[in-house]
C-alpha cells in the first residue's frame, strides 16, 4: 500500500475516533499498516502514534469497507495499545507496574 494512502487512512481513523469520543488526538506517525481483502470486505489495520494532550500513545485502528463497492470506510475499532509510561518501560527495560 502506498505511504500517502496509509497516512490518509490513519488520519481518517483519528478523525472518526475524535468525532465519536469528543477527543482531540493528533497523528504523530504511523508505525505499521496492513490490509486483508476477501470477496466482501477490505480491512485495514493500522498501528499509529497519536498525541493526547501532549502525551504520545500508541493505538491500533481497524477500518473496513466493502470490497465490491466504492463504499466509505467504517471505523470498526480504535484501541489504546501502549501508553507513554508503558512504552518507556518496554523501550528501556524498567519494571512494569
N, C-alpha and C. Protein backbone atom coordinates (compact mmCIF):
# COMPACT_ATOMS: atom_id res chain seq x y z
N UNK A 1 0.85 -1.17 0.00
CA UNK A 1 0.00 0.00 0.00
C UNK A 1 0.90 1.24 0.00
N UNK A 2 0.52 2.24 -0.74
CA UNK A 2 1.30 3.46 -0.88
C UNK A 2 1.32 4.24 0.43
N UNK A 3 2.48 4.84 0.76
CA UNK A 3 2.67 5.55 2.03
C UNK A 3 1.64 6.67 2.24
N UNK A 4 1.36 7.46 1.21
CA UNK A 4 0.40 8.56 1.39
C UNK A 4 -1.01 8.03 1.66
N UNK A 5 -1.35 6.88 1.10
CA UNK A 5 -2.66 6.25 1.36
C UNK A 5 -2.75 5.80 2.83
N UNK A 6 -1.67 5.27 3.35
CA UNK A 6 -1.64 4.83 4.76
C UNK A 6 -1.83 6.03 5.69
N UNK A 7 -1.14 7.12 5.39
CA UNK A 7 -1.27 8.33 6.22
C UNK A 7 -2.71 8.84 6.18
N UNK A 8 -3.31 8.86 5.00
CA UNK A 8 -4.71 9.31 4.88
C UNK A 8 -5.65 8.42 5.68
N UNK A 9 -5.43 7.10 5.64
CA UNK A 9 -6.27 6.18 6.40
C UNK A 9 -6.08 6.39 7.91
N UNK A 10 -4.85 6.61 8.35
CA UNK A 10 -4.59 6.86 9.78
C UNK A 10 -5.28 8.15 10.21
N UNK A 11 -5.20 9.18 9.39
CA UNK A 11 -5.87 10.44 9.72
C UNK A 11 -7.39 10.27 9.74
N UNK A 12 -7.91 9.48 8.82
CA UNK A 12 -9.35 9.21 8.81
C UNK A 12 -9.78 8.49 10.08
N UNK A 13 -9.00 7.50 10.50
CA UNK A 13 -9.31 6.77 11.73
C UNK A 13 -9.32 7.72 12.93
N UNK A 14 -8.34 8.60 13.00
CA UNK A 14 -8.29 9.57 14.10
C UNK A 14 -9.48 10.52 14.06
N UNK A 15 -9.82 11.01 12.88
CA UNK A 15 -10.97 11.91 12.76
C UNK A 15 -12.25 11.24 13.23
N UNK A 16 -12.47 10.00 12.80
CA UNK A 16 -13.68 9.28 13.20
C UNK A 16 -13.70 9.02 14.70
N UNK A 17 -12.54 8.64 15.26
CA UNK A 17 -12.46 8.40 16.70
C UNK A 17 -12.71 9.70 17.47
N UNK A 18 -12.09 10.79 17.03
CA UNK A 18 -12.28 12.07 17.70
C UNK A 18 -13.74 12.51 17.67
N UNK A 19 -14.41 12.30 16.53
CA UNK A 19 -15.83 12.65 16.41
C UNK A 19 -16.68 11.84 17.38
N UNK A 20 -16.41 10.54 17.46
CA UNK A 20 -17.21 9.65 18.33
C UNK A 20 -17.03 9.96 19.80
N UNK A 21 -15.81 10.30 20.19
CA UNK A 21 -15.49 10.39 21.61
C UNK A 21 -15.24 11.81 22.10
N UNK A 22 -15.33 12.78 21.18
CA UNK A 22 -15.04 14.17 21.50
C UNK A 22 -13.60 14.33 21.98
N UNK A 23 -12.71 13.48 21.49
CA UNK A 23 -11.28 13.56 21.82
C UNK A 23 -10.61 14.52 20.86
N UNK A 24 -9.35 14.80 21.11
CA UNK A 24 -8.57 15.69 20.24
C UNK A 24 -7.21 15.08 19.95
N UNK A 25 -7.20 13.80 19.61
CA UNK A 25 -5.93 13.14 19.28
C UNK A 25 -5.37 13.71 17.99
N UNK A 26 -4.03 13.80 17.94
CA UNK A 26 -3.35 14.29 16.75
C UNK A 26 -2.33 13.25 16.31
N UNK A 27 -2.31 12.97 15.03
CA UNK A 27 -1.39 11.97 14.48
C UNK A 27 0.05 12.43 14.62
N UNK A 28 0.88 11.54 15.17
CA UNK A 28 2.32 11.78 15.26
C UNK A 28 3.02 11.03 14.14
N UNK A 29 2.75 9.73 14.07
CA UNK A 29 3.30 8.92 12.98
C UNK A 29 2.62 7.57 12.92
N UNK A 30 2.77 6.91 11.78
CA UNK A 30 2.23 5.56 11.59
C UNK A 30 3.36 4.57 11.85
N UNK A 31 3.07 3.59 12.69
CA UNK A 31 4.06 2.57 13.00
C UNK A 31 4.04 1.43 12.00
N UNK A 32 2.86 0.90 11.74
CA UNK A 32 2.73 -0.21 10.78
C UNK A 32 1.32 -0.22 10.22
N UNK A 33 1.18 -0.87 9.08
CA UNK A 33 -0.13 -0.97 8.45
C UNK A 33 -0.17 -2.21 7.58
N UNK A 34 -1.33 -2.84 7.54
CA UNK A 34 -1.54 -3.95 6.61
C UNK A 34 -3.02 -3.98 6.25
N UNK A 35 -3.34 -4.78 5.27
CA UNK A 35 -4.74 -4.91 4.90
C UNK A 35 -5.04 -6.34 4.48
N UNK A 36 -6.31 -6.69 4.58
CA UNK A 36 -6.79 -8.00 4.17
C UNK A 36 -8.01 -7.78 3.31
N UNK A 37 -8.07 -8.50 2.23
CA UNK A 37 -9.19 -8.36 1.31
C UNK A 37 -9.78 -9.74 1.06
N UNK A 38 -11.10 -9.80 1.10
CA UNK A 38 -11.79 -11.02 0.70
C UNK A 38 -12.89 -10.64 -0.29
N UNK A 39 -13.79 -11.52 -0.55
CA UNK A 39 -14.83 -11.26 -1.56
C UNK A 39 -15.78 -10.15 -1.16
N UNK A 40 -15.91 -9.88 0.14
CA UNK A 40 -16.90 -8.92 0.61
C UNK A 40 -16.27 -7.66 1.22
N UNK A 41 -15.26 -7.83 2.06
CA UNK A 41 -14.71 -6.70 2.81
C UNK A 41 -13.21 -6.51 2.58
N UNK A 42 -12.79 -5.26 2.74
CA UNK A 42 -11.37 -4.92 2.82
C UNK A 42 -11.17 -4.30 4.19
N UNK A 43 -10.22 -4.86 4.94
CA UNK A 43 -9.95 -4.42 6.29
C UNK A 43 -8.52 -3.87 6.37
N UNK A 44 -8.39 -2.66 6.90
CA UNK A 44 -7.08 -2.02 7.07
C UNK A 44 -6.77 -1.96 8.56
N UNK A 45 -5.63 -2.49 8.96
CA UNK A 45 -5.18 -2.46 10.34
C UNK A 45 -3.97 -1.55 10.43
N UNK A 46 -4.06 -0.53 11.26
CA UNK A 46 -3.02 0.49 11.35
C UNK A 46 -2.62 0.69 12.81
N UNK A 47 -1.33 0.60 13.08
CA UNK A 47 -0.80 0.94 14.38
C UNK A 47 -0.20 2.33 14.24
N UNK A 48 -0.61 3.24 15.12
CA UNK A 48 -0.17 4.62 14.99
C UNK A 48 0.14 5.23 16.34
N UNK A 49 0.92 6.28 16.30
CA UNK A 49 1.19 7.08 17.49
C UNK A 49 0.39 8.36 17.36
N UNK A 50 -0.28 8.72 18.45
CA UNK A 50 -1.08 9.94 18.47
C UNK A 50 -0.82 10.69 19.77
N UNK A 51 -0.84 12.01 19.68
CA UNK A 51 -0.65 12.85 20.86
C UNK A 51 -2.00 13.11 21.51
N UNK A 52 -2.06 12.85 22.80
CA UNK A 52 -3.25 13.09 23.60
C UNK A 52 -2.86 14.08 24.70
N UNK A 53 -3.21 15.34 24.52
CA UNK A 53 -2.82 16.41 25.46
C UNK A 53 -1.31 16.46 25.63
N UNK A 54 -0.59 16.29 24.54
CA UNK A 54 0.87 16.36 24.56
C UNK A 54 1.58 15.07 24.91
N UNK A 55 0.82 14.04 25.30
CA UNK A 55 1.40 12.75 25.64
C UNK A 55 1.20 11.79 24.46
N UNK A 56 2.29 11.20 24.00
CA UNK A 56 2.20 10.29 22.85
C UNK A 56 1.84 8.89 23.33
N UNK A 57 0.82 8.34 22.68
CA UNK A 57 0.36 6.99 22.99
C UNK A 57 0.25 6.21 21.69
N UNK A 58 0.27 4.89 21.80
CA UNK A 58 0.19 4.01 20.63
C UNK A 58 -1.21 3.41 20.57
N UNK A 59 -1.81 3.47 19.39
CA UNK A 59 -3.17 2.97 19.17
C UNK A 59 -3.17 2.01 17.98
N UNK A 60 -4.17 1.15 17.97
CA UNK A 60 -4.39 0.27 16.82
C UNK A 60 -5.80 0.55 16.31
N UNK A 61 -5.88 0.88 15.03
CA UNK A 61 -7.15 1.19 14.39
C UNK A 61 -7.47 0.13 13.34
N UNK A 62 -8.76 -0.13 13.18
CA UNK A 62 -9.22 -1.05 12.14
C UNK A 62 -10.33 -0.37 11.36
N UNK A 63 -10.08 -0.16 10.07
CA UNK A 63 -11.06 0.43 9.16
C UNK A 63 -11.52 -0.64 8.18
N UNK A 64 -12.81 -0.63 7.86
CA UNK A 64 -13.37 -1.65 6.97
C UNK A 64 -14.23 -0.98 5.90
N UNK A 65 -14.16 -1.52 4.69
CA UNK A 65 -15.06 -1.09 3.61
C UNK A 65 -15.47 -2.33 2.82
N UNK A 66 -16.52 -2.19 2.04
CA UNK A 66 -16.96 -3.30 1.20
C UNK A 66 -16.07 -3.35 -0.04
N UNK A 67 -15.60 -4.52 -0.38
CA UNK A 67 -14.65 -4.70 -1.47
C UNK A 67 -15.28 -4.42 -2.82
N UNK A 68 -16.49 -4.89 -3.05
CA UNK A 68 -17.08 -4.84 -4.38
C UNK A 68 -17.80 -3.53 -4.69
N UNK A 69 -17.84 -2.61 -3.75
CA UNK A 69 -18.47 -1.31 -3.96
C UNK A 69 -17.48 -0.21 -3.61
N UNK A 70 -17.77 0.96 -4.05
CA UNK A 70 -16.97 2.11 -3.65
C UNK A 70 -17.56 2.66 -2.35
N UNK A 71 -17.55 1.84 -1.31
CA UNK A 71 -18.21 2.21 -0.06
C UNK A 71 -17.25 2.98 0.85
N UNK A 72 -17.81 3.80 1.73
CA UNK A 72 -16.96 4.56 2.65
C UNK A 72 -16.32 3.65 3.69
N UNK A 73 -15.19 4.10 4.22
CA UNK A 73 -14.50 3.38 5.28
C UNK A 73 -15.28 3.55 6.58
N UNK A 74 -15.41 2.48 7.32
CA UNK A 74 -16.04 2.50 8.62
C UNK A 74 -14.99 2.15 9.68
N UNK A 75 -14.93 2.93 10.75
CA UNK A 75 -14.01 2.63 11.83
C UNK A 75 -14.62 1.55 12.71
N UNK A 76 -14.03 0.37 12.69
CA UNK A 76 -14.56 -0.76 13.47
C UNK A 76 -13.97 -0.81 14.87
N UNK A 77 -12.70 -0.41 15.01
CA UNK A 77 -12.10 -0.39 16.34
C UNK A 77 -10.98 0.63 16.38
N UNK A 78 -10.75 1.15 17.57
CA UNK A 78 -9.66 2.10 17.81
C UNK A 78 -9.29 1.92 19.27
N UNK A 79 -8.18 1.24 19.51
CA UNK A 79 -7.83 0.84 20.87
C UNK A 79 -6.44 1.32 21.27
N UNK A 80 -6.32 1.69 22.53
CA UNK A 80 -5.02 2.03 23.10
C UNK A 80 -4.20 0.76 23.22
N UNK A 81 -3.00 0.78 22.66
CA UNK A 81 -2.11 -0.38 22.74
C UNK A 81 -1.12 -0.17 23.87
N UNK A 82 -0.46 0.99 23.86
CA UNK A 82 0.56 1.28 24.85
C UNK A 82 0.50 2.75 25.22
N UNK A 83 0.43 3.03 26.51
CA UNK A 83 0.52 4.41 26.97
C UNK A 83 1.97 4.82 27.10
N UNK A 84 2.21 6.08 27.32
CA UNK A 84 3.57 6.62 27.37
C UNK A 84 4.43 5.94 28.43
N UNK A 85 3.88 5.72 29.64
CA UNK A 85 4.66 5.11 30.71
C UNK A 85 5.06 3.70 30.36
N UNK A 86 4.13 2.94 29.83
CA UNK A 86 4.41 1.56 29.47
C UNK A 86 5.40 1.50 28.32
N UNK A 87 5.32 2.41 27.36
CA UNK A 87 6.24 2.45 26.23
C UNK A 87 7.66 2.68 26.72
N UNK A 88 7.84 3.59 27.68
CA UNK A 88 9.17 3.83 28.24
C UNK A 88 9.68 2.57 28.92
N UNK A 89 8.81 1.90 29.67
CA UNK A 89 9.20 0.65 30.32
C UNK A 89 9.65 -0.39 29.30
N UNK A 90 8.91 -0.52 28.20
CA UNK A 90 9.25 -1.51 27.19
C UNK A 90 10.55 -1.15 26.49
N UNK A 91 10.78 0.11 26.22
CA UNK A 91 11.99 0.54 25.50
C UNK A 91 13.23 0.46 26.37
N UNK A 92 13.10 0.79 27.65
CA UNK A 92 14.28 0.90 28.50
C UNK A 92 14.38 -0.19 29.55
N UNK A 93 13.47 -1.13 29.54
CA UNK A 93 13.57 -2.29 30.42
C UNK A 93 13.31 -2.01 31.89
N UNK A 94 12.63 -0.93 32.20
CA UNK A 94 12.30 -0.68 33.60
C UNK A 94 11.13 -1.55 33.99
N UNK A 95 10.93 -1.69 35.26
CA UNK A 95 9.89 -2.58 35.77
C UNK A 95 8.50 -2.07 35.43
N UNK A 96 7.68 -2.94 34.88
CA UNK A 96 6.28 -2.60 34.60
C UNK A 96 5.48 -2.63 35.88
N UNK A 97 4.55 -1.70 36.01
CA UNK A 97 3.73 -1.64 37.23
C UNK A 97 2.42 -2.32 37.00
